[in-house]
C-alpha atoms as a PDB file:
ATOM      1  CA  MET A   1     -17.474 -35.919   2.995  1.00  0.00           C
ATOM      2  CA  SER A   2     -17.758 -33.003   5.412  1.00  0.00           C
ATOM      3  CA  ALA A   3     -19.322 -29.755   4.251  1.00  0.00           C
ATOM      4  CA  ILE A   4     -16.948 -26.956   3.223  1.00  0.00           C
ATOM      5  CA  GLU A   5     -16.879 -24.177   5.801  1.00  0.00           C
ATOM      6  CA  ARG A   6     -17.405 -20.898   4.007  1.00  0.00           C
ATOM      7  CA  VAL A   7     -15.998 -17.752   5.589  1.00  0.00           C
ATOM      8  CA  PRO A   8     -18.285 -14.758   4.999  1.00  0.00           C
ATOM      9  CA  TYR A   9     -16.747 -11.559   3.689  1.00  0.00           C
ATOM     10  CA  ASP A  10     -18.062  -8.033   3.241  1.00  0.00           C
ATOM     11  CA  GLU A  11     -15.223  -5.604   2.565  1.00  0.00           C
ATOM     12  CA  PHE A  12     -17.107  -2.672   4.115  1.00  0.00           C
ATOM     13  CA  SER A  13     -18.032  -4.412   7.374  1.00  0.00           C
ATOM     14  CA  TYR A  14     -14.740  -4.101   9.298  1.00  0.00           C
ATOM     15  CA  PHE A  15     -14.286  -0.360   9.728  1.00  0.00           C
ATOM     16  CA  GLU A  16     -15.622  -0.298  13.287  1.00  0.00           C
ATOM     17  CA  ASP A  17     -13.127  -3.025  14.213  1.00  0.00           C
ATOM     18  CA  ASN A  18     -10.319  -0.928  12.688  1.00  0.00           C
ATOM     19  CA  ALA A  19     -11.371   2.129  14.667  1.00  0.00           C
ATOM     20  CA  THR A  20     -11.958   0.351  17.960  1.00  0.00           C
ATOM     21  CA  GLU A  21      -8.610  -1.416  17.916  1.00  0.00           C
ATOM     22  CA  VAL A  22      -6.650   1.853  17.928  1.00  0.00           C
ATOM     23  CA  GLY A  23      -9.035   4.045  19.921  1.00  0.00           C
ATOM     24  CA  ILE A  24     -10.558   6.116  17.107  1.00  0.00           C
ATOM     25  CA  ALA A  25     -13.995   7.434  18.068  1.00  0.00           C
ATOM     26  CA  TRP A  26     -16.694   5.584  16.143  1.00  0.00           C
ATOM     27  CA  ASN A  27     -19.456   7.802  14.781  1.00  0.00           C
ATOM     28  CA  GLY A  28     -20.947   5.322  12.351  1.00  0.00           C
ATOM     29  CA  PRO A  29     -19.816   3.853   9.027  1.00  0.00           C
ATOM     30  CA  PRO A  30     -17.732   6.115   6.793  1.00  0.00           C
ATOM     31  CA  THR A  31     -18.786   6.875   3.239  1.00  0.00           C
ATOM     32  CA  VAL A  32     -16.678   4.524   1.125  1.00  0.00           C
ATOM     33  CA  ARG A  33     -17.343   3.119  -2.326  1.00  0.00           C
ATOM     34  CA  ARG A  34     -15.425   0.906  -4.728  1.00  0.00           C
ATOM     35  CA  VAL A  35     -14.845   2.288  -8.211  1.00  0.00           C
ATOM     36  CA  ASP A  36     -13.285   0.639 -11.261  1.00  0.00           C
ATOM     37  CA  VAL A  37     -11.444   2.774 -13.793  1.00  0.00           C
ATOM     38  CA  SER A  38     -10.601   1.556 -17.290  1.00  0.00           C
ATOM     39  CA  VAL A  39      -6.920   2.134 -18.083  1.00  0.00           C
ATOM     40  CA  ASP A  40      -6.949   0.611 -21.564  1.00  0.00           C
ATOM     41  CA  ASN A  41      -9.196  -1.486 -23.791  1.00  0.00           C
ATOM     42  CA  ASP A  42      -9.107  -4.621 -21.655  1.00  0.00           C
ATOM     43  CA  ARG A  43      -7.806  -3.660 -18.210  1.00  0.00           C
ATOM     44  CA  SER A  44      -9.220  -1.785 -15.235  1.00  0.00           C
ATOM     45  CA  LEU A  45      -7.840  -0.711 -11.893  1.00  0.00           C
ATOM     46  CA  SER A  46      -9.983  -0.669  -8.780  1.00  0.00           C
ATOM     47  CA  ALA A  47      -9.984   1.898  -5.997  1.00  0.00           C
ATOM     48  CA  LEU A  48     -11.675   2.791  -2.733  1.00  0.00           C
ATOM     49  CA  VAL A  49     -13.043   6.326  -2.699  1.00  0.00           C
ATOM     50  CA  TRP A  50     -13.510   7.750   0.805  1.00  0.00           C
ATOM     51  CA  GLY A  51     -15.902  10.657   1.324  1.00  0.00           C
ATOM     52  CA  THR A  52     -18.049  12.670  -1.045  1.00  0.00           C
ATOM     53  CA  GLU A  53     -15.804  15.673  -1.715  1.00  0.00           C
ATOM     54  CA  SER A  54     -12.864  15.956  -4.082  1.00  0.00           C
ATOM     55  CA  PRO A  55     -10.101  13.675  -2.739  1.00  0.00           C
ATOM     56  CA  GLU A  56      -7.183  15.426  -1.058  1.00  0.00           C
ATOM     57  CA  ILE A  57      -4.887  12.394  -0.807  1.00  0.00           C
ATOM     58  CA  VAL A  58      -4.070   9.356  -2.965  1.00  0.00           C
ATOM     59  CA  PHE A  59      -2.701   6.218  -1.298  1.00  0.00           C
ATOM     60  CA  LEU A  60      -0.656   3.526  -3.079  1.00  0.00           C
ATOM     61  CA  HIS A  61      -0.036   0.311  -1.134  1.00  0.00           C
ATOM     62  CA  GLY A  62       2.974  -2.010  -1.131  1.00  0.00           C
ATOM     63  CA  GLY A  63       3.578  -5.246  -3.003  1.00  0.00           C
ATOM     64  CA  ALA A  64       1.300  -8.129  -1.996  1.00  0.00           C
ATOM     65  CA  GLN A  65      -1.074  -5.684  -0.279  1.00  0.00           C
ATOM     66  CA  ASN A  66      -4.257  -3.910  -1.372  1.00  0.00           C
ATOM     67  CA  ALA A  67      -6.114  -0.650  -0.845  1.00  0.00           C
ATOM     68  CA  HIS A  68      -7.610  -1.778   2.466  1.00  0.00           C
ATOM     69  CA  THR A  69      -4.172  -1.619   4.103  1.00  0.00           C
ATOM     70  CA  TRP A  70      -4.907   2.119   4.531  1.00  0.00           C
ATOM     71  CA  ASP A  71      -8.318   1.726   6.217  1.00  0.00           C
ATOM     72  CA  THR A  72      -7.244   2.675   9.737  1.00  0.00           C
ATOM     73  CA  VAL A  73      -5.139   5.591   8.473  1.00  0.00           C
ATOM     74  CA  ALA A  74      -8.123   6.800   6.444  1.00  0.00           C
ATOM     75  CA  LEU A  75     -10.398   6.610   9.479  1.00  0.00           C
ATOM     76  CA  ALA A  76      -7.892   8.572  11.557  1.00  0.00           C
ATOM     77  CA  LEU A  77      -7.506  11.254   8.873  1.00  0.00           C
ATOM     78  CA  ASN A  78     -11.234  11.647   8.216  1.00  0.00           C
ATOM     79  CA  ARG A  79     -10.498  13.422   4.938  1.00  0.00           C
ATOM     80  CA  PRO A  80     -11.689  12.697   1.390  1.00  0.00           C
ATOM     81  CA  LEU A  81      -9.157  10.387  -0.239  1.00  0.00           C
ATOM     82  CA  VAL A  82      -8.606   7.566  -2.704  1.00  0.00           C
ATOM     83  CA  ALA A  83      -6.765   4.287  -2.090  1.00  0.00           C
ATOM     84  CA  ILE A  84      -5.910   2.445  -5.297  1.00  0.00           C
ATOM     85  CA  ASP A  85      -5.318  -1.282  -5.833  1.00  0.00           C
ATOM     86  CA  LEU A  86      -2.068  -1.488  -7.807  1.00  0.00           C
ATOM     87  CA  PRO A  87      -2.054  -3.598 -10.992  1.00  0.00           C
ATOM     88  CA  GLY A  88      -2.152  -7.288 -10.146  1.00  0.00           C
ATOM     89  CA  HIS A  89      -3.341  -6.610  -6.604  1.00  0.00           C
ATOM     90  CA  GLY A  90      -6.678  -6.474  -4.835  1.00  0.00           C
ATOM     91  CA  HIS A  91      -9.506  -6.084  -7.331  1.00  0.00           C
ATOM     92  CA  SER A  92      -7.352  -4.622 -10.125  1.00  0.00           C
ATOM     93  CA  ASP A  93      -6.367  -6.352 -13.328  1.00  0.00           C
ATOM     94  CA  GLY A  94      -2.718  -7.189 -13.970  1.00  0.00           C
ATOM     95  CA  GLY A  95      -0.139  -4.743 -15.243  1.00  0.00           C
ATOM     96  CA  LYS A  96       0.548  -4.248 -18.930  1.00  0.00           C
ATOM     97  CA  ASN A  97       4.273  -4.958 -18.429  1.00  0.00           C
ATOM     98  CA  GLY A  98       4.123  -7.037 -15.281  1.00  0.00           C
ATOM     99  CA  SER A  99       2.664  -5.888 -12.006  1.00  0.00           C
ATOM    100  CA  LEU A 100       6.073  -5.000 -10.519  1.00  0.00           C
ATOM    101  CA  ASN A 101       7.073  -2.639 -13.329  1.00  0.00           C
ATOM    102  CA  VAL A 102       6.733   0.710 -11.581  1.00  0.00           C
ATOM    103  CA  PHE A 103       7.065   2.755 -14.779  1.00  0.00           C
ATOM    104  CA  ALA A 104       4.156   0.956 -16.455  1.00  0.00           C
ATOM    105  CA  ASN A 105       2.237   1.056 -13.172  1.00  0.00           C
ATOM    106  CA  ALA A 106       2.717   4.816 -13.008  1.00  0.00           C
ATOM    107  CA  GLU A 107       1.088   5.230 -16.408  1.00  0.00           C
ATOM    108  CA  ASP A 108      -1.950   3.260 -15.210  1.00  0.00           C
ATOM    109  CA  ILE A 109      -2.099   5.079 -11.886  1.00  0.00           C
ATOM    110  CA  ALA A 110      -2.014   8.437 -13.664  1.00  0.00           C
ATOM    111  CA  VAL A 111      -5.188   7.502 -15.549  1.00  0.00           C
ATOM    112  CA  VAL A 112      -6.954   6.611 -12.294  1.00  0.00           C
ATOM    113  CA  ILE A 113      -5.849   9.765 -10.484  1.00  0.00           C
ATOM    114  CA  ARG A 114      -6.921  11.994 -13.361  1.00  0.00           C
ATOM    115  CA  GLU A 115     -10.387  10.464 -13.190  1.00  0.00           C
ATOM    116  CA  LEU A 116     -10.870  10.110  -9.419  1.00  0.00           C
ATOM    117  CA  ALA A 117      -8.555  12.610  -7.716  1.00  0.00           C
ATOM    118  CA  PRO A 118      -7.198  15.190 -10.181  1.00  0.00           C
ATOM    119  CA  ASP A 119      -6.806  17.851  -7.480  1.00  0.00           C
ATOM    120  CA  ALA A 120      -5.212  15.671  -4.794  1.00  0.00           C
ATOM    121  CA  GLN A 121      -2.530  17.579  -2.905  1.00  0.00           C
ATOM    122  CA  LEU A 122      -0.606  14.566  -1.612  1.00  0.00           C
ATOM    123  CA  ILE A 123       0.452  11.173  -2.960  1.00  0.00           C
ATOM    124  CA  VAL A 124       1.361   8.605  -0.293  1.00  0.00           C
ATOM    125  CA  GLY A 125       3.242   5.522  -1.474  1.00  0.00           C
ATOM    126  CA  MET A 126       4.428   2.593   0.614  1.00  0.00           C
ATOM    127  CA  SER A 127       7.071   0.120  -0.641  1.00  0.00           C
ATOM    128  CA  LEU A 128       6.132  -0.852  -4.228  1.00  0.00           C
ATOM    129  CA  GLY A 129       3.530   1.928  -4.160  1.00  0.00           C
ATOM    130  CA  GLY A 130       6.211   4.356  -3.073  1.00  0.00           C
ATOM    131  CA  MET A 131       8.442   3.491  -5.989  1.00  0.00           C
ATOM    132  CA  THR A 132       5.426   3.687  -8.298  1.00  0.00           C
ATOM    133  CA  SER A 133       4.722   7.170  -6.938  1.00  0.00           C
ATOM    134  CA  VAL A 134       8.294   8.265  -7.701  1.00  0.00           C
ATOM    135  CA  ALA A 135       7.881   6.953 -11.249  1.00  0.00           C
ATOM    136  CA  LEU A 136       4.573   8.849 -11.358  1.00  0.00           C
ATOM    137  CA  ALA A 137       6.400  12.062 -10.431  1.00  0.00           C
ATOM    138  CA  ASP A 138       8.529  11.537 -13.546  1.00  0.00           C
ATOM    139  CA  HIS A 139       5.642  10.520 -15.810  1.00  0.00           C
ATOM    140  CA  ALA A 140       3.039  13.045 -14.638  1.00  0.00           C
ATOM    141  CA  PRO A 141       4.636  15.615 -12.314  1.00  0.00           C
ATOM    142  CA  ASP A 142       1.484  17.737 -12.349  1.00  0.00           C
ATOM    143  CA  LEU A 143      -0.273  14.998 -10.342  1.00  0.00           C
ATOM    144  CA  VAL A 144       2.383  14.759  -7.628  1.00  0.00           C
ATOM    145  CA  ARG A 145       2.111  18.042  -5.740  1.00  0.00           C
ATOM    146  CA  ARG A 146       3.482  16.518  -2.522  1.00  0.00           C
ATOM    147  CA  LEU A 147       4.976  13.060  -2.038  1.00  0.00           C
ATOM    148  CA  ALA A 148       5.218  10.979   1.115  1.00  0.00           C
ATOM    149  CA  LEU A 149       7.267   7.776   0.911  1.00  0.00           C
ATOM    150  CA  VAL A 150       6.406   5.181   3.543  1.00  0.00           C
ATOM    151  CA  ASP A 151       9.414   3.040   4.483  1.00  0.00           C
ATOM    152  CA  VAL A 152      10.964   2.835   1.051  1.00  0.00           C
ATOM    153  CA  THR A 153      13.651   4.462  -1.100  1.00  0.00           C
ATOM    154  CA  PRO A 154      15.192   3.468  -4.437  1.00  0.00           C
ATOM    155  CA  GLY A 155      17.957   1.859  -2.387  1.00  0.00           C
ATOM    156  CA  VAL A 156      15.726  -0.997  -1.272  1.00  0.00           C
ATOM    157  CA  ASP A 157      16.979  -4.160  -2.981  1.00  0.00           C
ATOM    158  CA  GLY A 158      16.542  -7.912  -2.787  1.00  0.00           C
ATOM    159  CA  PRO A 159      18.613  -8.517   0.376  1.00  0.00           C
ATOM    160  CA  LYS A 160      16.864  -5.718   2.278  1.00  0.00           C
ATOM    161  CA  ALA A 161      13.451  -7.038   1.277  1.00  0.00           C
ATOM    162  CA  GLN A 162      14.329 -10.718   1.758  1.00  0.00           C
ATOM    163  CA  GLN A 163      11.913 -11.280   4.642  1.00  0.00           C
ATOM    164  CA  ILE A 164       9.061  -9.879   2.581  1.00  0.00           C
ATOM    165  CA  ALA A 165      10.047 -12.044  -0.391  1.00  0.00           C
ATOM    166  CA  ASN A 166      10.135 -15.119   1.851  1.00  0.00           C
ATOM    167  CA  PHE A 167       6.514 -14.496   2.781  1.00  0.00           C
ATOM    168  CA  ILE A 168       5.317 -13.703  -0.741  1.00  0.00           C
ATOM    169  CA  ASN A 169       7.104 -16.694  -2.236  1.00  0.00           C
ATOM    170  CA  GLY A 170       5.422 -19.134   0.157  1.00  0.00           C
ATOM    171  CA  PRO A 171       2.723 -21.695  -0.689  1.00  0.00           C
ATOM    172  CA  GLU A 172       0.447 -20.855  -3.612  1.00  0.00           C
ATOM    173  CA  SER A 173      -2.627 -22.048  -1.720  1.00  0.00           C
ATOM    174  CA  PHE A 174      -3.726 -23.039   1.769  1.00  0.00           C
ATOM    175  CA  PRO A 175      -6.208 -25.792   2.654  1.00  0.00           C
ATOM    176  CA  ASN A 176      -7.992 -23.657   5.250  1.00  0.00           C
ATOM    177  CA  PHE A 177      -8.091 -20.202   6.779  1.00  0.00           C
ATOM    178  CA  ASP A 178      -6.299 -21.220   9.983  1.00  0.00           C
ATOM    179  CA  GLU A 179      -3.152 -22.271   8.107  1.00  0.00           C
ATOM    180  CA  LEU A 180      -3.158 -19.029   6.161  1.00  0.00           C
ATOM    181  CA  LEU A 181      -3.558 -17.047   9.387  1.00  0.00           C
ATOM    182  CA  ALA A 182      -0.785 -18.981  11.131  1.00  0.00           C
ATOM    183  CA  ARG A 183       1.709 -18.223   8.365  1.00  0.00           C
ATOM    184  CA  THR A 184       0.709 -14.563   8.304  1.00  0.00           C
ATOM    185  CA  ILE A 185       1.188 -14.239  12.068  1.00  0.00           C
ATOM    186  CA  GLU A 186       4.616 -15.875  11.792  1.00  0.00           C
ATOM    187  CA  PHE A 187       5.830 -13.248   9.317  1.00  0.00           C
ATOM    188  CA  ASN A 188       4.149 -10.232  10.973  1.00  0.00           C
ATOM    189  CA  PRO A 189       5.231 -10.242  14.634  1.00  0.00           C
ATOM    190  CA  THR A 190       4.433  -6.551  15.134  1.00  0.00           C
ATOM    191  CA  ARG A 191       0.747  -6.882  14.248  1.00  0.00           C
ATOM    192  CA  THR A 192      -2.252  -7.990  16.284  1.00  0.00           C
ATOM    193  CA  GLU A 193      -4.018 -11.205  15.303  1.00  0.00           C
ATOM    194  CA  SER A 194      -7.296  -9.330  14.802  1.00  0.00           C
ATOM    195  CA  SER A 195      -5.720  -6.889  12.334  1.00  0.00           C
ATOM    196  CA  LEU A 196      -4.054  -9.729  10.447  1.00  0.00           C
ATOM    197  CA  ARG A 197      -7.345 -11.630  10.283  1.00  0.00           C
ATOM    198  CA  ARG A 198      -9.005  -8.593   8.692  1.00  0.00           C
ATOM    199  CA  GLY A 199      -6.068  -8.144   6.365  1.00  0.00           C
ATOM    200  CA  ILE A 200      -6.286 -11.720   5.129  1.00  0.00           C
ATOM    201  CA  LEU A 201      -9.985 -11.432   4.398  1.00  0.00           C
ATOM    202  CA  HIS A 202      -9.273  -8.344   2.293  1.00  0.00           C
ATOM    203  CA  ASN A 203      -6.261  -9.913   0.576  1.00  0.00           C
ATOM    204  CA  ALA A 204      -7.211 -13.553  -0.058  1.00  0.00           C
ATOM    205  CA  LEU A 205      -9.931 -15.499  -1.836  1.00  0.00           C
ATOM    206  CA  GLN A 206     -11.666 -18.676  -0.712  1.00  0.00           C
ATOM    207  CA  LEU A 207     -12.074 -21.042  -3.669  1.00  0.00           C
ATOM    208  CA  ASP A 208     -14.969 -23.408  -4.308  1.00  0.00           C
ATOM    209  CA  ASP A 209     -13.110 -26.327  -2.713  1.00  0.00           C
ATOM    210  CA  GLY A 210     -12.640 -24.336   0.519  1.00  0.00           C
ATOM    211  CA  SER A 211      -8.940 -23.603  -0.015  1.00  0.00           C
ATOM    212  CA  TRP A 212      -7.476 -20.092  -0.006  1.00  0.00           C
ATOM    213  CA  VAL A 213      -5.232 -18.179  -2.423  1.00  0.00           C
ATOM    214  CA  TRP A 214      -3.830 -14.659  -2.261  1.00  0.00           C
ATOM    215  CA  ARG A 215      -5.426 -12.037  -4.499  1.00  0.00           C
ATOM    216  CA  TYR A 216      -1.951 -10.830  -5.421  1.00  0.00           C
ATOM    217  CA  ARG A 217      -1.027 -14.145  -7.048  1.00  0.00           C
ATOM    218  CA  ARG A 218      -1.350 -12.249 -10.350  1.00  0.00           C
ATOM    219  CA  MET A 219       1.734 -10.202  -9.464  1.00  0.00           C
ATOM    220  CA  MET A 220       4.047 -13.220  -9.397  1.00  0.00           C
ATOM    221  CA  GLU A 221       5.594 -12.606 -12.792  1.00  0.00           C
ATOM    222  CA  THR A 222       9.303 -12.012 -12.176  1.00  0.00           C
ATOM    223  CA  GLY A 223      10.521 -15.414 -11.004  1.00  0.00           C
ATOM    224  CA  GLY A 224      11.223 -14.057  -7.544  1.00  0.00           C
ATOM    225  CA  GLU A 225      13.614 -11.343  -8.743  1.00  0.00           C
ATOM    226  CA  HIS A 226      13.388  -8.079  -6.829  1.00  0.00           C
ATOM    227  CA  PRO A 227      12.933  -5.067  -9.131  1.00  0.00           C
ATOM    228  CA  ASP A 228      15.870  -2.696  -9.538  1.00  0.00           C
ATOM    229  CA  PHE A 229      14.659   0.711  -8.373  1.00  0.00           C
ATOM    230  CA  SER A 230      18.047   2.446  -8.405  1.00  0.00           C
ATOM    231  CA  SER A 231      17.293   4.592 -11.477  1.00  0.00           C
ATOM    232  CA  LEU A 232      14.598   6.323  -9.445  1.00  0.00           C
ATOM    233  CA  TRP A 233      17.268   8.081  -7.391  1.00  0.00           C
ATOM    234  CA  ASP A 234      17.766  10.376 -10.367  1.00  0.00           C
ATOM    235  CA  VAL A 235      14.035  11.085 -10.507  1.00  0.00           C
ATOM    236  CA  ILE A 236      14.073  12.045  -6.840  1.00  0.00           C
ATOM    237  CA  GLY A 237      17.121  14.238  -7.382  1.00  0.00           C
ATOM    238  CA  ALA A 238      15.447  16.077 -10.253  1.00  0.00           C
ATOM    239  CA  SER A 239      12.111  16.506  -8.466  1.00  0.00           C
ATOM    240  CA  ALA A 240      10.891  19.721  -6.877  1.00  0.00           C
ATOM    241  CA  MET A 241       7.693  18.826  -4.978  1.00  0.00           C
ATOM    242  CA  PRO A 242       7.770  18.732  -1.153  1.00  0.00           C
ATOM    243  CA  LEU A 243       9.083  15.282  -0.193  1.00  0.00           C
ATOM    244  CA  MET A 244       8.879  13.278   3.019  1.00  0.00           C
ATOM    245  CA  LEU A 245      10.167   9.869   4.087  1.00  0.00           C
ATOM    246  CA  ALA A 246       8.458   8.124   6.999  1.00  0.00           C
ATOM    247  CA  ARG A 247      10.875   5.423   8.169  1.00  0.00           C
ATOM    248  CA  GLY A 248       9.924   2.600  10.522  1.00  0.00           C
ATOM    249  CA  MET A 249      12.528   2.101  13.236  1.00  0.00           C
ATOM    250  CA  LEU A 250      11.894  -1.552  14.122  1.00  0.00           C
ATOM    251  CA  PRO A 251      14.108  -4.236  12.538  1.00  0.00           C
ATOM    252  CA  GLN A 252      11.324  -5.141  10.103  1.00  0.00           C
ATOM    253  CA  SER A 253      11.929  -1.862   8.236  1.00  0.00           C
ATOM    254  CA  VAL A 254      13.642  -2.195   4.852  1.00  0.00           C
ATOM    255  CA  VAL A 255      15.170   1.302   4.932  1.00  0.00           C
ATOM    256  CA  ASP A 256      18.622   1.734   6.456  1.00  0.00           C
ATOM    257  CA  ASP A 257      20.851   4.699   7.346  1.00  0.00           C
ATOM    258  CA  ALA A 258      22.533   4.612   3.943  1.00  0.00           C
ATOM    259  CA  ASP A 259      19.166   4.950   2.197  1.00  0.00           C
ATOM    260  CA  GLU A 260      18.242   7.883   4.389  1.00  0.00           C
ATOM    261  CA  ALA A 261      21.601   9.574   3.774  1.00  0.00           C
ATOM    262  CA  GLU A 262      21.273   9.131   0.012  1.00  0.00           C
ATOM    263  CA  LEU A 263      17.785  10.641   0.065  1.00  0.00           C
ATOM    264  CA  VAL A 264      19.073  13.686   1.928  1.00  0.00           C
ATOM    265  CA  LYS A 265      22.008  13.917  -0.501  1.00  0.00           C
ATOM    266  CA  ARG A 266      19.614  13.931  -3.457  1.00  0.00           C
ATOM    267  CA  ARG A 267      17.040  16.204  -1.809  1.00  0.00           C
ATOM    268  CA  SER A 268      18.525  18.164   1.091  1.00  0.00           C
ATOM    269  CA  ASP A 269      15.133  19.699   1.796  1.00  0.00           C
ATOM    270  CA  ALA A 270      13.384  16.327   2.258  1.00  0.00           C
ATOM    271  CA  LEU A 271      11.619  15.810   5.568  1.00  0.00           C
ATOM    272  CA  ILE A 272      12.692  12.626   7.359  1.00  0.00           C
ATOM    273  CA  VAL A 273      10.422  11.259  10.086  1.00  0.00           C
ATOM    274  CA  HIS A 274      11.400   8.287  12.237  1.00  0.00           C
ATOM    275  CA  VAL A 275       8.380   6.301  13.408  1.00  0.00           C
ATOM    276  CA  GLU A 276       9.071   4.404  16.619  1.00  0.00           C
ATOM    277  CA  GLY A 277       7.237   1.130  17.161  1.00  0.00           C
ATOM    278  CA  ALA A 278       6.825   0.544  13.441  1.00  0.00           C
ATOM    279  CA  GLY A 279       8.479  -1.817  10.982  1.00  0.00           C
ATOM    280  CA  HIS A 280       8.017  -1.804   7.235  1.00  0.00           C
ATOM    281  CA  SER A 281       4.221  -1.563   7.424  1.00  0.00           C
ATOM    282  CA  ILE A 282       3.911   1.705   9.310  1.00  0.00           C
ATOM    283  CA  GLN A 283       0.239   1.920   8.355  1.00  0.00           C
ATOM    284  CA  GLY A 284      -0.321  -1.401  10.121  1.00  0.00           C
ATOM    285  CA  ASP A 285       1.943  -0.870  13.130  1.00  0.00           C
ATOM    286  CA  GLN A 286       1.315   2.815  13.894  1.00  0.00           C
ATOM    287  CA  PRO A 287      -1.654   3.951  11.772  1.00  0.00           C
ATOM    288  CA  VAL A 288      -2.786   6.831  13.980  1.00  0.00           C
ATOM    289  CA  GLU A 289       0.735   8.223  14.239  1.00  0.00           C
ATOM    290  CA  LEU A 290       1.175   7.923  10.475  1.00  0.00           C
ATOM    291  CA  ALA A 291      -2.097   9.797   9.955  1.00  0.00           C
ATOM    292  CA  ARG A 292      -0.835  12.582  12.237  1.00  0.00           C
ATOM    293  CA  ILE A 293       2.472  12.779  10.342  1.00  0.00           C
ATOM    294  CA  LEU A 294       0.714  12.893   6.962  1.00  0.00           C
ATOM    295  CA  GLU A 295      -1.712  15.551   8.135  1.00  0.00           C
ATOM    296  CA  GLN A 296       1.112  17.778   9.325  1.00  0.00           C
ATOM    297  CA  PHE A 297       2.963  17.307   6.041  1.00  0.00           C
ATOM    298  CA  LEU A 298      -0.161  18.030   4.004  1.00  0.00           C
ATOM    299  CA  ASP A 299      -0.970  21.192   5.931  1.00  0.00           C
ATOM    300  CA  ALA A 300       2.611  22.527   6.122  1.00  0.00           C
END
């Protein structure tokens, strides 16, 4: 029997690769630490805290992702911030009512923000994290002083997110890293292989037998049904904080013209930014541009 090939992993060892790939000047490792926050008697959420000062921004990733999806954006911003692993994702425990329930997620996220980033001036939410951030604006409006939605609105439904669901609902495990990488490349044509390799190492676990499973396997609790976010339109319509939508303009985006029009109908003052060269994962496709957009919105 041949020996199992173990793939080494240190979650804080890839930042220089992130920076180099997009031309960010490298001045040495950033100050980043992982923190776990108890949200009830038997569950904790995990987060990456960047910098030593009070965080200015909170980042919430999309479904089947984790906090490291924001690494390159964080490097480009060079500001104190927090990126949280949603329930059932990354290093966080599962959600109390399922990891795709954005209303329950918002309650958990509020606990984490109050502990780690109570004075944050901007919440940035992508996809599932974006809908969680809208629910957060309803649950704890004092924590959502500004809101940036990354390629998502409450109009995103099952058909619009079908390609994402096809990827998430794939094999439960993979016999080796190469097969996992090959499938990831197939479903992410806008991303470089090196960035996808890093992403897998952050988002998957190698088991004792050498096989691989996704960390987000704990989120698979809804039988493949896409959550209904439509009630969140009313939350957006009733909200008052400065609001921005960053929409990817490649076909991989899940936001369409009707979604954009409905957002403007509900909030005529919302800022809409079209990001060329980006699909659904704007932070992966155009991280430096997204950082620039967020910085302008934060400082407006």
